[in-house]
N, C-alpha and C. Protein backbone atom coordinates (compact mmCIF):
# COMPACT_ATOMS: atom_id res chain seq x y z
N UNK A 1 9.26 1.66 39.00
CA UNK A 1 8.20 1.86 38.08
C UNK A 1 6.92 1.24 38.64
N UNK A 2 5.82 1.97 38.53
CA UNK A 2 4.55 1.45 39.01
C UNK A 2 3.90 0.57 37.98
N UNK A 3 3.32 -0.53 38.44
CA UNK A 3 2.61 -1.40 37.47
C UNK A 3 1.17 -0.86 37.33
N UNK A 4 0.63 -1.00 36.15
CA UNK A 4 -0.73 -0.52 35.90
C UNK A 4 -1.71 -1.54 36.46
N UNK A 5 -2.74 -1.02 37.15
CA UNK A 5 -3.77 -1.88 37.72
C UNK A 5 -4.98 -1.83 36.82
N UNK A 6 -5.48 -2.99 36.47
CA UNK A 6 -6.68 -3.08 35.63
C UNK A 6 -7.91 -3.17 36.52
N UNK A 7 -8.92 -2.41 36.22
CA UNK A 7 -10.14 -2.41 37.00
C UNK A 7 -11.06 -3.54 36.50
N UNK A 8 -11.44 -4.40 37.41
CA UNK A 8 -12.37 -5.47 37.06
C UNK A 8 -13.75 -4.93 36.76
N UNK A 9 -14.10 -3.79 37.35
CA UNK A 9 -15.40 -3.19 37.08
C UNK A 9 -15.48 -2.76 35.62
N UNK A 10 -14.42 -2.15 35.13
CA UNK A 10 -14.40 -1.73 33.72
C UNK A 10 -14.48 -2.89 32.77
N UNK A 11 -13.72 -3.92 33.07
CA UNK A 11 -13.74 -5.12 32.19
C UNK A 11 -15.11 -5.79 32.25
N UNK A 12 -15.68 -5.86 33.48
CA UNK A 12 -17.03 -6.43 33.62
C UNK A 12 -18.04 -5.64 32.87
N UNK A 13 -17.92 -4.33 32.88
CA UNK A 13 -18.85 -3.46 32.15
C UNK A 13 -18.77 -3.73 30.65
N UNK A 14 -17.56 -3.81 30.12
CA UNK A 14 -17.38 -4.03 28.67
C UNK A 14 -17.98 -5.37 28.27
N UNK A 15 -17.62 -6.44 28.99
CA UNK A 15 -18.13 -7.77 28.64
C UNK A 15 -19.65 -7.88 28.91
N UNK A 16 -20.12 -7.24 29.96
CA UNK A 16 -21.56 -7.27 30.27
C UNK A 16 -22.38 -6.62 29.18
N UNK A 17 -21.94 -5.46 28.71
CA UNK A 17 -22.66 -4.77 27.64
C UNK A 17 -22.63 -5.58 26.35
N UNK A 18 -21.46 -6.18 26.05
CA UNK A 18 -21.37 -6.98 24.83
C UNK A 18 -22.28 -8.20 24.88
N UNK A 19 -22.27 -8.91 25.98
CA UNK A 19 -23.14 -10.09 26.11
C UNK A 19 -24.61 -9.67 26.14
N UNK A 20 -24.92 -8.60 26.87
CA UNK A 20 -26.30 -8.11 26.93
C UNK A 20 -26.81 -7.66 25.58
N UNK A 21 -25.95 -6.99 24.81
CA UNK A 21 -26.39 -6.54 23.48
C UNK A 21 -26.60 -7.75 22.55
N UNK A 22 -25.77 -8.74 22.68
CA UNK A 22 -25.96 -9.97 21.88
C UNK A 22 -27.28 -10.64 22.22
N UNK A 23 -27.57 -10.73 23.53
CA UNK A 23 -28.85 -11.32 23.92
C UNK A 23 -30.01 -10.42 23.51
N UNK A 24 -29.80 -9.11 23.54
CA UNK A 24 -30.83 -8.20 23.08
C UNK A 24 -31.13 -8.35 21.62
N UNK A 25 -30.13 -8.64 20.81
CA UNK A 25 -30.38 -8.89 19.38
C UNK A 25 -31.22 -10.15 19.20
N UNK A 26 -30.91 -11.17 20.00
CA UNK A 26 -31.68 -12.42 19.89
C UNK A 26 -33.14 -12.19 20.28
N UNK A 27 -33.37 -11.43 21.36
CA UNK A 27 -34.71 -11.23 21.87
C UNK A 27 -35.37 -9.96 21.31
N UNK A 28 -34.71 -9.33 20.33
CA UNK A 28 -35.27 -8.17 19.61
C UNK A 28 -35.48 -6.96 20.50
N UNK A 29 -34.60 -6.74 21.48
CA UNK A 29 -34.63 -5.53 22.29
C UNK A 29 -33.22 -5.25 22.80
N UNK A 30 -32.39 -4.66 21.94
CA UNK A 30 -30.98 -4.49 22.25
C UNK A 30 -30.72 -3.51 23.36
N UNK A 31 -31.52 -2.45 23.48
CA UNK A 31 -31.30 -1.44 24.49
C UNK A 31 -31.47 -1.99 25.89
N UNK A 32 -32.51 -2.76 26.10
CA UNK A 32 -32.73 -3.35 27.42
C UNK A 32 -31.69 -4.43 27.70
N UNK A 33 -31.32 -5.20 26.70
CA UNK A 33 -30.29 -6.22 26.90
C UNK A 33 -28.96 -5.61 27.28
N UNK A 34 -28.57 -4.53 26.62
CA UNK A 34 -27.30 -3.87 26.93
C UNK A 34 -27.35 -3.26 28.32
N UNK A 35 -28.47 -2.71 28.70
CA UNK A 35 -28.61 -2.13 30.03
C UNK A 35 -28.51 -3.16 31.13
N UNK A 36 -29.20 -4.25 30.94
CA UNK A 36 -29.15 -5.34 31.94
C UNK A 36 -27.72 -5.93 31.98
N UNK A 37 -27.10 -6.09 30.83
CA UNK A 37 -25.73 -6.60 30.78
C UNK A 37 -24.76 -5.66 31.48
N UNK A 38 -24.95 -4.35 31.31
CA UNK A 38 -24.07 -3.37 31.97
C UNK A 38 -24.23 -3.48 33.50
N UNK A 39 -25.46 -3.60 33.93
CA UNK A 39 -25.73 -3.73 35.39
C UNK A 39 -25.05 -4.95 35.97
N UNK A 40 -25.22 -6.09 35.29
CA UNK A 40 -24.58 -7.32 35.76
C UNK A 40 -23.07 -7.22 35.70
N UNK A 41 -22.55 -6.61 34.65
CA UNK A 41 -21.11 -6.44 34.52
C UNK A 41 -20.49 -5.62 35.64
N UNK A 42 -21.16 -4.53 36.00
CA UNK A 42 -20.69 -3.67 37.07
C UNK A 42 -20.71 -4.44 38.40
N UNK A 43 -21.78 -5.18 38.66
CA UNK A 43 -21.90 -5.91 39.91
C UNK A 43 -20.83 -7.00 40.00
N UNK A 44 -20.68 -7.79 38.93
CA UNK A 44 -19.68 -8.87 38.94
C UNK A 44 -18.28 -8.30 39.06
N UNK A 45 -17.99 -7.21 38.35
CA UNK A 45 -16.69 -6.58 38.42
C UNK A 45 -16.37 -6.04 39.81
N UNK A 46 -17.36 -5.46 40.47
CA UNK A 46 -17.16 -4.97 41.84
C UNK A 46 -16.90 -6.10 42.82
N UNK A 47 -17.58 -7.21 42.62
CA UNK A 47 -17.35 -8.39 43.47
C UNK A 47 -15.94 -8.92 43.29
N UNK A 48 -15.49 -9.00 42.04
CA UNK A 48 -14.14 -9.48 41.76
C UNK A 48 -13.09 -8.51 42.34
N UNK A 49 -13.33 -7.19 42.20
CA UNK A 49 -12.42 -6.23 42.76
C UNK A 49 -12.34 -6.35 44.30
N UNK A 50 -13.48 -6.56 44.93
CA UNK A 50 -13.44 -6.67 46.40
C UNK A 50 -12.67 -7.91 46.85
N UNK A 51 -12.77 -9.01 46.12
CA UNK A 51 -11.98 -10.19 46.46
C UNK A 51 -10.50 -9.98 46.20
N UNK A 52 -10.16 -9.25 45.14
CA UNK A 52 -8.73 -8.97 44.82
C UNK A 52 -8.11 -8.09 45.90
N UNK A 53 -8.84 -7.10 46.40
CA UNK A 53 -8.30 -6.15 47.33
C UNK A 53 -8.34 -6.60 48.78
N UNK A 54 -8.88 -7.77 49.05
CA UNK A 54 -8.94 -8.29 50.42
C UNK A 54 -7.56 -8.68 50.89
N UNK A 55 -7.19 -8.21 52.05
CA UNK A 55 -5.90 -8.60 52.62
C UNK A 55 -6.16 -9.41 53.88
N UNK A 56 -5.57 -10.57 53.90
CA UNK A 56 -5.80 -11.49 55.03
C UNK A 56 -4.53 -11.63 55.82
């Protein structure tokens, strides 16, 4: 049986949008906050995925 692999990019995107939207509510601009959070989430998730997939 194959084990399911979780994508860190997807998880980073979800948490990034949530945190960005929360900050957007605080600063009264939720759309920009969610967009910036999504960008950071994708970048951080890709970095985590690249470290996970490194074989030494």
